[in-house]
Amino acid sequence: MLSRISQLGARLLRENRAVGNLASSTTSYYRGQLSRRFVPTKNILFSTATTSSDHDDGSQSKEKISVTFVNKDGTEQTISVPVGMSMLEAAHENDIELEGACEGSLACSTCHVIVMDVNYYNKLEDPTDEENDMLDLAFGLTETSRLGCQVIAKPELDGMRLALPAATRNFAVDGFVPKPH
């Protein structure tokens, strides 16, 4: 990258010398000749962050769906989940015991959930290879198992029921000690 910039600078110097626009004094060169080529026409600011007013421009409240979590002891808890939020985030916001040791980075299987209705399971995006690799490590794997961090709320999932497995495999907590290579 640096050599490309150096080449570009050398090219500009050669062009200016050939045209005769380069002043002999370095001071005047920086004040006038070169800076005229690179004067920005206007400043443009970019940001990936949004302000709170950006969220309120559309509808008054964000669309939500209803999801029921069936806990390990069989009790059920129905929550409202905003469209676009993962089931892992929704569970954490509502004090549901879905672990998520890797915080949704697809590095564990502790947010394993079981979609209780195959019709809802079929409405989900297909799992990626990375998700399938992590699901292979999950305790109590079923045909409708998914990682909660990868199940994203969308309107067609309204009414979905998710079961939490009886246990998780969290090697860091369960006392797993990897053997040295």
Protein backbone atom coordinates (compact mmCIF):
# COMPACT_ATOMS: atom_id res chain seq x y z
CA MET A 1 0.00 0.00 0.00
CA LEU A 2 2.77 2.40 0.93
CA SER A 3 4.66 1.73 -2.30
CA ARG A 4 1.48 2.44 -4.30
CA ILE A 5 1.11 5.80 -2.52
CA SER A 6 4.80 6.56 -3.16
CA GLN A 7 4.35 5.74 -6.85
CA LEU A 8 1.36 8.06 -7.04
CA GLY A 9 3.29 10.88 -5.36
CA ALA A 10 6.25 10.44 -7.70
CA ARG A 11 3.90 10.51 -10.68
CA LEU A 12 2.35 13.79 -9.52
CA LEU A 13 5.77 15.34 -9.09
CA ARG A 14 6.82 14.26 -12.61
CA GLU A 15 3.62 15.65 -14.14
CA ASN A 16 4.02 18.98 -12.36
CA ARG A 17 7.67 19.31 -13.44
CA ALA A 18 6.78 18.49 -17.04
CA VAL A 19 4.07 21.15 -17.10
CA GLY A 20 6.28 23.62 -15.27
CA ASN A 21 3.82 24.25 -12.46
CA LEU A 22 6.11 23.22 -9.62
CA ALA A 23 7.59 26.14 -7.79
CA SER A 24 11.23 25.95 -6.76
CA SER A 25 10.46 26.68 -3.14
CA THR A 26 9.10 23.82 -1.01
CA THR A 27 7.10 26.31 1.04
CA SER A 28 5.20 27.68 -1.92
CA TYR A 29 4.76 24.16 -3.26
CA TYR A 30 2.87 23.07 -0.17
CA ARG A 31 0.93 26.32 0.08
CA GLY A 32 -0.33 26.45 -3.42
CA GLN A 33 0.54 24.08 -6.18
CA LEU A 34 -0.15 20.62 -4.80
CA SER A 35 -2.87 21.59 -2.34
CA ARG A 36 -5.02 22.96 -5.18
CA ARG A 37 -5.25 19.47 -6.65
CA PHE A 38 -6.53 17.91 -3.45
CA VAL A 39 -8.98 20.47 -2.07
CA PRO A 40 -12.15 18.60 -1.10
CA THR A 41 -15.33 20.03 -2.60
CA LYS A 42 -17.33 19.29 0.56
CA ASN A 43 -17.04 17.33 3.76
CA ILE A 44 -19.06 14.15 3.96
CA LEU A 45 -19.45 12.44 7.31
CA PHE A 46 -20.25 8.74 7.54
CA SER A 47 -21.50 6.84 10.56
CA THR A 48 -22.76 3.33 11.18
CA ALA A 49 -24.41 4.33 14.44
CA THR A 50 -28.02 5.42 14.50
CA THR A 51 -29.69 7.91 16.74
CA SER A 52 -32.78 7.15 18.77
CA SER A 53 -34.86 9.31 16.40
CA ASP A 54 -33.94 6.95 13.53
CA HIS A 55 -35.76 4.12 15.25
CA ASP A 56 -38.98 6.08 15.71
CA ASP A 57 -39.40 7.23 12.09
CA GLY A 58 -41.41 4.19 11.00
CA SER A 59 -44.20 2.73 13.04
CA GLN A 60 -44.70 3.81 16.63
CA SER A 61 -43.66 0.42 18.02
CA LYS A 62 -41.47 -2.26 16.51
CA GLU A 63 -43.30 -5.37 15.38
CA LYS A 64 -43.08 -8.22 17.89
CA ILE A 65 -43.85 -11.90 17.81
CA SER A 66 -44.91 -14.25 20.59
CA VAL A 67 -42.51 -17.07 21.50
CA THR A 68 -43.01 -19.67 24.21
CA PHE A 69 -40.00 -21.18 25.96
CA VAL A 70 -40.55 -24.55 27.64
CA ASN A 71 -38.07 -24.71 30.53
CA LYS A 72 -36.17 -27.78 31.71
CA ASP A 73 -38.74 -28.42 34.44
CA GLY A 74 -41.64 -28.27 31.96
CA THR A 75 -42.91 -24.82 32.89
CA GLU A 76 -43.70 -22.47 30.04
CA GLN A 77 -42.90 -18.80 29.64
CA THR A 78 -44.36 -16.79 26.76
CA ILE A 79 -42.51 -13.61 25.77
CA SER A 80 -42.75 -10.91 23.11
CA VAL A 81 -39.72 -10.80 20.84
CA PRO A 82 -38.98 -7.88 18.47
CA VAL A 83 -38.60 -8.91 14.84
CA GLY A 84 -34.88 -9.18 14.01
CA MET A 85 -33.77 -10.24 17.51
CA SER A 86 -32.20 -13.65 18.16
CA MET A 87 -33.86 -16.07 20.54
CA LEU A 88 -30.69 -16.01 22.66
CA GLU A 89 -30.96 -12.24 23.15
CA ALA A 90 -34.70 -12.48 23.83
CA ALA A 91 -34.15 -15.20 26.42
CA HIS A 92 -31.49 -13.16 28.21
CA GLU A 93 -33.67 -10.04 28.26
CA ASN A 94 -36.49 -12.06 29.84
CA ASP A 95 -34.41 -14.01 32.40
CA ILE A 96 -34.85 -17.36 30.68
CA GLU A 97 -32.05 -19.80 31.47
CA LEU A 98 -30.53 -20.14 28.00
CA GLU A 99 -26.78 -20.07 28.56
CA GLY A 100 -25.03 -18.67 25.45
CA ALA A 101 -21.45 -18.99 26.73
CA CYS A 102 -19.89 -17.63 23.51
CA GLU A 103 -22.33 -14.70 23.36
CA GLY A 104 -23.67 -15.72 19.95
CA SER A 105 -20.38 -16.06 18.10
CA LEU A 106 -21.03 -19.65 16.95
CA ALA A 107 -18.27 -21.04 19.15
CA CYS A 108 -20.34 -23.28 21.47
CA SER A 109 -23.65 -25.12 21.67
CA THR A 110 -24.92 -23.86 25.02
CA CYS A 111 -27.82 -21.92 23.47
CA HIS A 112 -29.21 -25.12 21.95
CA VAL A 113 -33.01 -25.01 21.64
CA ILE A 114 -35.48 -27.52 20.23
CA VAL A 115 -38.18 -26.18 17.93
CA MET A 116 -41.24 -28.09 19.10
CA ASP A 117 -43.28 -27.81 15.90
CA VAL A 118 -41.74 -29.02 12.63
CA ASN A 119 -43.83 -26.47 10.70
CA TYR A 120 -42.04 -23.63 12.48
CA TYR A 121 -38.71 -25.40 12.04
CA ASN A 122 -39.29 -25.47 8.27
CA LYS A 123 -39.89 -21.69 8.26
CA LEU A 124 -36.37 -21.07 9.59
CA GLU A 125 -33.36 -20.44 7.38
CA ASP A 126 -31.31 -23.59 6.83
CA PRO A 127 -28.51 -23.94 9.40
CA THR A 128 -25.04 -23.02 8.19
CA ASP A 129 -22.18 -25.52 8.24
CA GLU A 130 -20.74 -23.68 11.26
CA GLU A 131 -24.03 -24.02 13.15
CA ASN A 132 -24.28 -27.71 12.28
CA ASP A 133 -20.71 -28.23 13.54
CA MET A 134 -21.66 -26.70 16.89
CA LEU A 135 -24.97 -28.59 17.03
CA ASP A 136 -23.00 -31.84 16.75
CA LEU A 137 -21.63 -31.01 20.22
CA ALA A 138 -25.04 -30.23 21.73
CA PHE A 139 -26.59 -32.35 24.48
CA GLY A 140 -29.88 -34.02 23.51
CA LEU A 141 -29.71 -33.21 19.79
CA THR A 142 -32.97 -33.72 17.85
CA GLU A 143 -34.11 -33.34 14.25
CA THR A 144 -35.46 -29.86 15.06
CA SER A 145 -32.51 -28.62 17.13
CA ARG A 146 -31.11 -25.17 16.45
CA LEU A 147 -28.83 -22.70 18.20
CA GLY A 148 -30.79 -19.90 19.84
CA CYS A 149 -28.27 -17.33 18.62
CA GLN A 150 -29.06 -18.29 15.01
CA VAL A 151 -32.86 -18.29 15.26
CA ILE A 152 -33.91 -14.75 14.36
CA ALA A 153 -37.46 -13.52 15.02
CA LYS A 154 -39.56 -12.89 11.92
CA PRO A 155 -43.33 -12.47 11.55
CA GLU A 156 -43.98 -16.00 10.27
CA LEU A 157 -42.50 -17.43 13.50
CA ASP A 158 -45.23 -15.85 15.67
CA GLY A 159 -46.44 -18.49 18.14
CA MET A 160 -43.30 -20.66 17.96
CA ARG A 161 -42.50 -22.90 20.94
CA LEU A 162 -38.89 -23.63 21.92
CA ALA A 163 -37.87 -26.29 24.41
CA LEU A 164 -34.70 -25.96 26.46
CA PRO A 165 -32.76 -29.24 26.70
CA ALA A 166 -32.25 -30.86 30.10
CA ALA A 167 -28.52 -30.04 30.08
CA THR A 168 -25.80 -28.24 28.09
CA ARG A 169 -22.23 -29.11 27.27
CA ASN A 170 -20.10 -26.19 28.32
CA PHE A 171 -16.59 -27.59 28.46
CA ALA A 172 -15.22 -24.54 30.28
CA VAL A 173 -17.73 -24.90 33.13
CA ASP A 174 -18.04 -28.69 33.18
CA GLY A 175 -14.40 -29.16 34.19
CA PHE A 176 -13.11 -30.18 30.76
CA VAL A 177 -9.34 -29.87 30.61
CA PRO A 178 -7.89 -30.17 27.11
CA LYS A 179 -4.85 -32.41 26.75
CA PRO A 180 -1.70 -30.60 25.62
CA HIS A 181 -0.50 -31.32 22.07
